[in-house]
Amino acid sequence: MNTAKLIESLPPRIKNHVIEYQDVILKGGQSAMRVLLDCTLSPGQKALLQNNKHIIGLECVAQDKYAPEIKHSYFYMV
């Protein structure tokens, strides 16, 4: 799938929080797209995404390098 179709497949509640997406290669050699959000995912938002077969890694959280108290959720779309 191309990037536009993957982003459009996200629910509007999640799509509004996307700040960055980047093409990556997973450990198994599979290509994917990492989607970084401007917030952490709530349990309700995670429930919306769990049924999507193209999304993996919903529990991933990144910390800002210079301000570790700032956290962002991210996940991969394959």
PDB file of N, CA and C in Angstrom:
ATOM      1  N   MET A   1       0.839  -1.190   0.000  1.00  0.00           N
ATOM      2  CA  MET A   1       0.000   0.000   0.000  1.00  0.00           C
ATOM      3  C   MET A   1       0.881   1.249   0.000  1.00  0.00           C
ATOM      4  N   ASN A   2       0.373   2.293  -0.597  1.00  0.00           N
ATOM      5  CA  ASN A   2       1.150   3.527  -0.568  1.00  0.00           C
ATOM      6  C   ASN A   2       0.819   4.336   0.692  1.00  0.00           C
ATOM      7  N   THR A   3       1.624   5.347   0.943  1.00  0.00           N
ATOM      8  CA  THR A   3       1.522   6.133   2.167  1.00  0.00           C
ATOM      9  C   THR A   3       0.173   6.818   2.312  1.00  0.00           C
ATOM     10  N   ALA A   4      -0.334   7.393   1.260  1.00  0.00           N
ATOM     11  CA  ALA A   4      -1.607   8.121   1.333  1.00  0.00           C
ATOM     12  C   ALA A   4      -2.751   7.198   1.723  1.00  0.00           C
ATOM     13  N   LYS A   5      -2.787   5.995   1.156  1.00  0.00           N
ATOM     14  CA  LYS A   5      -3.856   5.051   1.491  1.00  0.00           C
ATOM     15  C   LYS A   5      -3.753   4.589   2.946  1.00  0.00           C
ATOM     16  N   LEU A   6      -2.521   4.389   3.430  1.00  0.00           N
ATOM     17  CA  LEU A   6      -2.348   3.971   4.821  1.00  0.00           C
ATOM     18  C   LEU A   6      -2.828   5.049   5.781  1.00  0.00           C
ATOM     19  N   ILE A   7      -2.440   6.289   5.537  1.00  0.00           N
ATOM     20  CA  ILE A   7      -2.860   7.390   6.419  1.00  0.00           C
ATOM     21  C   ILE A   7      -4.369   7.589   6.349  1.00  0.00           C
ATOM     22  N   GLU A   8      -4.953   7.490   5.164  1.00  0.00           N
ATOM     23  CA  GLU A   8      -6.401   7.658   5.016  1.00  0.00           C
ATOM     24  C   GLU A   8      -7.180   6.539   5.706  1.00  0.00           C
ATOM     25  N   SER A   9      -6.560   5.380   5.916  1.00  0.00           N
ATOM     26  CA  SER A   9      -7.258   4.270   6.570  1.00  0.00           C
ATOM     27  C   SER A   9      -7.363   4.463   8.085  1.00  0.00           C
ATOM     28  N   LEU A  10      -6.663   5.452   8.632  1.00  0.00           N
ATOM     29  CA  LEU A  10      -6.735   5.712  10.076  1.00  0.00           C
ATOM     30  C   LEU A  10      -8.046   6.407  10.426  1.00  0.00           C
ATOM     31  N   PRO A  11      -8.574   6.129  11.620  1.00  0.00           N
ATOM     32  CA  PRO A  11      -9.775   6.851  12.068  1.00  0.00           C
ATOM     33  C   PRO A  11      -9.468   8.349  12.244  1.00  0.00           C
ATOM     34  N   PRO A  12     -10.456   9.218  12.040  1.00  0.00           N
ATOM     35  CA  PRO A  12     -10.221  10.669  12.163  1.00  0.00           C
ATOM     36  C   PRO A  12      -9.673  11.088  13.523  1.00  0.00           C
ATOM     37  N   ARG A  13     -10.087  10.404  14.592  1.00  0.00           N
ATOM     38  CA  ARG A  13      -9.597  10.752  15.934  1.00  0.00           C
ATOM     39  C   ARG A  13      -8.098  10.537  16.050  1.00  0.00           C
ATOM     40  N   ILE A  14      -7.549   9.608  15.291  1.00  0.00           N
ATOM     41  CA  ILE A  14      -6.125   9.322  15.323  1.00  0.00           C
ATOM     42  C   ILE A  14      -5.401  10.165  14.271  1.00  0.00           C
ATOM     43  N   LYS A  15      -5.998  10.296  13.104  1.00  0.00           N
ATOM     44  CA  LYS A  15      -5.371  11.011  11.988  1.00  0.00           C
ATOM     45  C   LYS A  15      -5.050  12.460  12.355  1.00  0.00           C
ATOM     46  N   ASN A  16      -5.848  13.074  13.203  1.00  0.00           N
ATOM     47  CA  ASN A  16      -5.624  14.458  13.617  1.00  0.00           C
ATOM     48  C   ASN A  16      -4.376  14.622  14.474  1.00  0.00           C
ATOM     49  N   HIS A  17      -3.878  13.537  15.061  1.00  0.00           N
ATOM     50  CA  HIS A  17      -2.714  13.593  15.946  1.00  0.00           C
ATOM     51  C   HIS A  17      -1.407  13.179  15.271  1.00  0.00           C
ATOM     52  N   VAL A  18      -1.443  12.805  14.012  1.00  0.00           N
ATOM     53  CA  VAL A  18      -0.228  12.378  13.309  1.00  0.00           C
ATOM     54  C   VAL A  18       0.663  13.592  13.063  1.00  0.00           C
ATOM     55  N   ILE A  19       1.931  13.495  13.510  1.00  0.00           N
ATOM     56  CA  ILE A  19       2.870  14.592  13.274  1.00  0.00           C
ATOM     57  C   ILE A  19       3.988  14.195  12.317  1.00  0.00           C
ATOM     58  N   GLU A  20       4.228  12.893  12.172  1.00  0.00           N
ATOM     59  CA  GLU A  20       5.302  12.469  11.283  1.00  0.00           C
ATOM     60  C   GLU A  20       5.083  11.016  10.887  1.00  0.00           C
ATOM     61  N   TYR A  21       5.460  10.683   9.682  1.00  0.00           N
ATOM     62  CA  TYR A  21       5.499   9.281   9.264  1.00  0.00           C
ATOM     63  C   TYR A  21       6.740   9.079   8.418  1.00  0.00           C
ATOM     64  N   GLN A  22       7.334   7.893   8.581  1.00  0.00           N
ATOM     65  CA  GLN A  22       8.609   7.615   7.942  1.00  0.00           C
ATOM     66  C   GLN A  22       8.640   6.156   7.500  1.00  0.00           C
ATOM     67  N   ASP A  23       9.152   5.915   6.300  1.00  0.00           N
ATOM     68  CA  ASP A  23       9.320   4.549   5.823  1.00  0.00           C
ATOM     69  C   ASP A  23      10.501   3.909   6.537  1.00  0.00           C
ATOM     70  N   VAL A  24      10.304   2.683   7.015  1.00  0.00           N
ATOM     71  CA  VAL A  24      11.335   1.959   7.751  1.00  0.00           C
ATOM     72  C   VAL A  24      11.356   0.504   7.287  1.00  0.00           C
ATOM     73  N   ILE A  25      12.412  -0.204   7.664  1.00  0.00           N
ATOM     74  CA  ILE A  25      12.520  -1.646   7.440  1.00  0.00           C
ATOM     75  C   ILE A  25      12.506  -2.314   8.812  1.00  0.00           C
ATOM     76  N   LEU A  26      11.577  -3.230   9.031  1.00  0.00           N
ATOM     77  CA  LEU A  26      11.488  -3.942  10.299  1.00  0.00           C
ATOM     78  C   LEU A  26      12.578  -5.003  10.387  1.00  0.00           C
ATOM     79  N   LYS A  27      12.772  -5.573  11.575  1.00  0.00           N
ATOM     80  CA  LYS A  27      13.831  -6.552  11.788  1.00  0.00           C
ATOM     81  C   LYS A  27      13.750  -7.745  10.846  1.00  0.00           C
ATOM     82  N   GLY A  28      12.581  -8.167  10.504  1.00  0.00           N
ATOM     83  CA  GLY A  28      12.414  -9.305   9.617  1.00  0.00           C
ATOM     84  C   GLY A  28      12.616  -8.964   8.145  1.00  0.00           C
ATOM     85  N   GLY A  29      12.952  -7.709   7.846  1.00  0.00           N
ATOM     86  CA  GLY A  29      13.168  -7.285   6.474  1.00  0.00           C
ATOM     87  C   GLY A  29      11.924  -6.751   5.798  1.00  0.00           C
ATOM     88  N   GLN A  30      10.821  -6.718   6.520  1.00  0.00           N
ATOM     89  CA  GLN A  30       9.561  -6.234   5.965  1.00  0.00           C
ATOM     90  C   GLN A  30       9.541  -4.708   5.973  1.00  0.00           C
ATOM     91  N   SER A  31       9.085  -4.115   4.883  1.00  0.00           N
ATOM     92  CA  SER A  31       8.985  -2.651   4.849  1.00  0.00           C
ATOM     93  C   SER A  31       7.706  -2.215   5.551  1.00  0.00           C
ATOM     94  N   ALA A  32       7.778  -1.078   6.230  1.00  0.00           N
ATOM     95  CA  ALA A  32       6.643  -0.560   6.996  1.00  0.00           C
ATOM     96  C   ALA A  32       6.754   0.959   7.047  1.00  0.00           C
ATOM     97  N   MET A  33       5.759   1.577   7.641  1.00  0.00           N
ATOM     98  CA  MET A  33       5.758   3.013   7.842  1.00  0.00           C
ATOM     99  C   MET A  33       5.532   3.279   9.330  1.00  0.00           C
ATOM    100  N   ARG A  34       6.454   4.035   9.943  1.00  0.00           N
ATOM    101  CA  ARG A  34       6.307   4.396  11.354  1.00  0.00           C
ATOM    102  C   ARG A  34       5.502   5.685  11.427  1.00  0.00           C
ATOM    103  N   VAL A  35       4.450   5.670  12.230  1.00  0.00           N
ATOM    104  CA  VAL A  35       3.567   6.830  12.389  1.00  0.00           C
ATOM    105  C   VAL A  35       3.751   7.367  13.805  1.00  0.00           C
ATOM    106  N   LEU A  36       4.193   8.609  13.923  1.00  0.00           N
ATOM    107  CA  LEU A  36       4.424   9.254  15.211  1.00  0.00           C
ATOM    108  C   LEU A  36       3.268  10.201  15.504  1.00  0.00           C
ATOM    109  N   LEU A  37       2.735  10.112  16.720  1.00  0.00           N
ATOM    110  CA  LEU A  37       1.608  10.947  17.137  1.00  0.00           C
ATOM    111  C   LEU A  37       2.086  12.012  18.109  1.00  0.00           C
ATOM    112  N   ASP A  38       1.317  13.079  18.262  1.00  0.00           N
ATOM    113  CA  ASP A  38       1.693  14.164  19.164  1.00  0.00           C
ATOM    114  C   ASP A  38       1.221  13.925  20.601  1.00  0.00           C
ATOM    115  N   CYS A  39       0.740  12.742  20.894  1.00  0.00           N
ATOM    116  CA  CYS A  39       0.244  12.418  22.228  1.00  0.00           C
ATOM    117  C   CYS A  39       0.431  10.914  22.455  1.00  0.00           C
ATOM    118  N   THR A  40       0.083  10.460  23.645  1.00  0.00           N
ATOM    119  CA  THR A  40       0.052   9.017  23.878  1.00  0.00           C
ATOM    120  C   THR A  40      -1.361   8.523  23.610  1.00  0.00           C
ATOM    121  N   LEU A  41      -1.448   7.304  23.129  1.00  0.00           N
ATOM    122  CA  LEU A  41      -2.758   6.740  22.797  1.00  0.00           C
ATOM    123  C   LEU A  41      -3.533   6.381  24.062  1.00  0.00           C
ATOM    124  N   SER A  42      -4.791   6.751  24.110  1.00  0.00           N
ATOM    125  CA  SER A  42      -5.663   6.363  25.219  1.00  0.00           C
ATOM    126  C   SER A  42      -6.158   4.940  24.952  1.00  0.00           C
ATOM    127  N   PRO A  43      -6.692   4.269  25.965  1.00  0.00           N
ATOM    128  CA  PRO A  43      -7.234   2.925  25.738  1.00  0.00           C
ATOM    129  C   PRO A  43      -8.334   2.898  24.673  1.00  0.00           C
ATOM    130  N   GLY A  44      -9.141   3.937  24.596  1.00  0.00           N
ATOM    131  CA  GLY A  44     -10.184   4.003  23.576  1.00  0.00           C
ATOM    132  C   GLY A  44      -9.612   4.125  22.167  1.00  0.00           C
ATOM    133  N   GLN A  45      -8.550   4.900  22.035  1.00  0.00           N
ATOM    134  CA  GLN A  45      -7.908   5.047  20.735  1.00  0.00           C
ATOM    135  C   GLN A  45      -7.222   3.741  20.322  1.00  0.00           C
ATOM    136  N   LYS A  46      -6.613   3.061  21.281  1.00  0.00           N
ATOM    137  CA  LYS A  46      -5.984   1.770  20.982  1.00  0.00           C
ATOM    138  C   LYS A  46      -7.028   0.759  20.526  1.00  0.00           C
ATOM    139  N   ALA A  47      -8.194   0.798  21.148  1.00  0.00           N
ATOM    140  CA  ALA A  47      -9.265  -0.128  20.768  1.00  0.00           C
ATOM    141  C   ALA A  47      -9.712   0.121  19.330  1.00  0.00           C
ATOM    142  N   LEU A  48      -9.720   1.388  18.901  1.00  0.00           N
ATOM    143  CA  LEU A  48     -10.080   1.707  17.513  1.00  0.00           C
ATOM    144  C   LEU A  48      -9.088   1.103  16.519  1.00  0.00           C
ATOM    145  N   LEU A  49      -7.818   1.074  16.899  1.00  0.00           N
ATOM    146  CA  LEU A  49      -6.769   0.634  15.985  1.00  0.00           C
ATOM    147  C   LEU A  49      -6.503  -0.871  16.024  1.00  0.00           C
ATOM    148  N   GLN A  50      -6.930  -1.557  17.074  1.00  0.00           N
ATOM    149  CA  GLN A  50      -6.626  -2.979  17.219  1.00  0.00           C
ATOM    150  C   GLN A  50      -7.242  -3.836  16.128  1.00  0.00           C
ATOM    151  N   ASN A  51      -8.335  -3.419  15.553  1.00  0.00           N
ATOM    152  CA  ASN A  51      -8.989  -4.217  14.521  1.00  0.00           C
ATOM    153  C   ASN A  51      -8.362  -4.039  13.149  1.00  0.00           C
ATOM    154  N   ASN A  52      -7.470  -3.066  12.992  1.00  0.00           N
ATOM    155  CA  ASN A  52      -6.824  -2.814  11.710  1.00  0.00           C
ATOM    156  C   ASN A  52      -5.673  -3.797  11.526  1.00  0.00           C
ATOM    157  N   LYS A  53      -5.734  -4.621  10.490  1.00  0.00           N
ATOM    158  CA  LYS A  53      -4.722  -5.658  10.280  1.00  0.00           C
ATOM    159  C   LYS A  53      -3.391  -5.094   9.792  1.00  0.00           C
ATOM    160  N   HIS A  54      -3.345  -3.824   9.398  1.00  0.00           N
ATOM    161  CA  HIS A  54      -2.121  -3.214   8.902  1.00  0.00           C
ATOM    162  C   HIS A  54      -1.296  -2.546   9.999  1.00  0.00           C
ATOM    163  N   ILE A  55      -1.777  -2.537  11.238  1.00  0.00           N
ATOM    164  CA  ILE A  55      -1.108  -1.823  12.327  1.00  0.00           C
ATOM    165  C   ILE A  55      -0.496  -2.812  13.311  1.00  0.00           C
ATOM    166  N   ILE A  56       0.782  -2.579  13.648  1.00  0.00           N
ATOM    167  CA  ILE A  56       1.456  -3.364  14.682  1.00  0.00           C
ATOM    168  C   ILE A  56       2.173  -2.405  15.631  1.00  0.00           C
ATOM    169  N   GLY A  57       2.415  -2.851  16.851  1.00  0.00           N
ATOM    170  CA  GLY A  57       3.170  -2.065  17.820  1.00  0.00           C
ATOM    171  C   GLY A  57       2.403  -0.925  18.454  1.00  0.00           C
ATOM    172  N   LEU A  58       1.176  -1.156  18.851  1.00  0.00           N
ATOM    173  CA  LEU A  58       0.372  -0.079  19.443  1.00  0.00           C
ATOM    174  C   LEU A  58       0.875   0.382  20.809  1.00  0.00           C
ATOM    175  N   GLU A  59       1.675  -0.409  21.465  1.00  0.00           N
ATOM    176  CA  GLU A  59       2.144  -0.065  22.810  1.00  0.00           C
ATOM    177  C   GLU A  59       3.435   0.751  22.812  1.00  0.00           C
ATOM    178  N   CYS A  60       3.968   1.100  21.641  1.00  0.00           N
ATOM    179  CA  CYS A  60       5.246   1.813  21.552  1.00  0.00           C
ATOM    180  C   CYS A  60       5.096   3.270  21.993  1.00  0.00           C
ATOM    181  N   VAL A  61       6.042   3.717  22.831  1.00  0.00           N
ATOM    182  CA  VAL A  61       6.053   5.095  23.308  1.00  0.00           C
ATOM    183  C   VAL A  61       7.493   5.617  23.201  1.00  0.00           C
ATOM    184  N   ALA A  62       7.654   6.782  22.607  1.00  0.00           N
ATOM    185  CA  ALA A  62       8.964   7.421  22.467  1.00  0.00           C
ATOM    186  C   ALA A  62       9.053   8.595  23.431  1.00  0.00           C
ATOM    187  N   GLN A  63      10.248   8.810  23.975  1.00  0.00           N
ATOM    188  CA  GLN A  63      10.487   9.961  24.832  1.00  0.00           C
ATOM    189  C   GLN A  63      11.344  10.968  24.086  1.00  0.00           C
ATOM    190  N   ASP A  64      11.098  12.239  24.329  1.00  0.00           N
ATOM    191  CA  ASP A  64      11.896  13.292  23.729  1.00  0.00           C
ATOM    192  C   ASP A  64      13.314  13.227  24.273  1.00  0.00           C
ATOM    193  N   LYS A  65      14.293  13.445  23.411  1.00  0.00           N
ATOM    194  CA  LYS A  65      15.695  13.320  23.802  1.00  0.00           C
ATOM    195  C   LYS A  65      16.089  14.313  24.890  1.00  0.00           C
ATOM    196  N   TYR A  66      15.648  15.539  24.770  1.00  0.00           N
ATOM    197  CA  TYR A  66      16.062  16.583  25.708  1.00  0.00           C
ATOM    198  C   TYR A  66      15.039  16.866  26.804  1.00  0.00           C
ATOM    199  N   ALA A  67      13.857  16.306  26.676  1.00  0.00           N
ATOM    200  CA  ALA A  67      12.818  16.465  27.703  1.00  0.00           C
ATOM    201  C   ALA A  67      12.102  15.126  27.863  1.00  0.00           C
ATOM    202  N   PRO A  68      12.668  14.211  28.652  1.00  0.00           N
ATOM    203  CA  PRO A  68      12.106  12.857  28.753  1.00  0.00           C
ATOM    204  C   PRO A  68      10.680  12.788  29.300  1.00  0.00           C
ATOM    205  N   GLU A  69      10.196  13.880  29.896  1.00  0.00           N
ATOM    206  CA  GLU A  69       8.819  13.876  30.388  1.00  0.00           C
ATOM    207  C   GLU A  69       7.810  13.994  29.241  1.00  0.00           C
ATOM    208  N   ILE A  70       8.263  14.391  28.063  1.00  0.00           N
ATOM    209  CA  ILE A  70       7.396  14.488  26.884  1.00  0.00           C
ATOM    210  C   ILE A  70       7.394  13.137  26.178  1.00  0.00           C
ATOM    211  N   LYS A  71       6.215  12.547  26.050  1.00  0.00           N
ATOM    212  CA  LYS A  71       6.093  11.220  25.449  1.00  0.00           C
ATOM    213  C   LYS A  71       5.150  11.255  24.260  1.00  0.00           C
ATOM    214  N   HIS A  72       5.479  10.470  23.253  1.00  0.00           N
ATOM    215  CA  HIS A  72       4.688  10.367  22.033  1.00  0.00           C
ATOM    216  C   HIS A  72       4.456   8.888  21.729  1.00  0.00           C
ATOM    217  N   SER A  73       3.268   8.542  21.336  1.00  0.00           N
ATOM    218  CA  SER A  73       2.993   7.182  20.871  1.00  0.00           C
ATOM    219  C   SER A  73       3.387   7.061  19.408  1.00  0.00           C
ATOM    220  N   TYR A  74       3.781   5.861  19.032  1.00  0.00           N
ATOM    221  CA  TYR A  74       4.014   5.569  17.633  1.00  0.00           C
ATOM    222  C   TYR A  74       3.656   4.128  17.354  1.00  0.00           C
ATOM    223  N   PHE A  75       3.399   3.816  16.120  1.00  0.00           N
ATOM    224  CA  PHE A  75       3.079   2.451  15.709  1.00  0.00           C
ATOM    225  C   PHE A  75       3.525   2.271  14.272  1.00  0.00           C
ATOM    226  N   TYR A  76       3.502   1.041  13.832  1.00  0.00           N
ATOM    227  CA  TYR A  76       3.938   0.718  12.480  1.00  0.00           C
ATOM    228  C   TYR A  76       2.759   0.257  11.642  1.00  0.00           C
ATOM    229  N   MET A  77       2.747   0.674  10.386  1.00  0.00           N
ATOM    230  CA  MET A  77       1.726   0.230   9.438  1.00  0.00           C
ATOM    231  C   MET A  77       2.431  -0.548   8.341  1.00  0.00           C
ATOM    232  N   VAL A  78       1.982  -1.769   8.119  1.00  0.00           N
ATOM    233  CA  VAL A  78       2.602  -2.632   7.101  1.00  0.00           C
ATOM    234  C   VAL A  78       1.648  -2.893   5.960  1.00  0.00           C
TER     235      VAL A  78
END
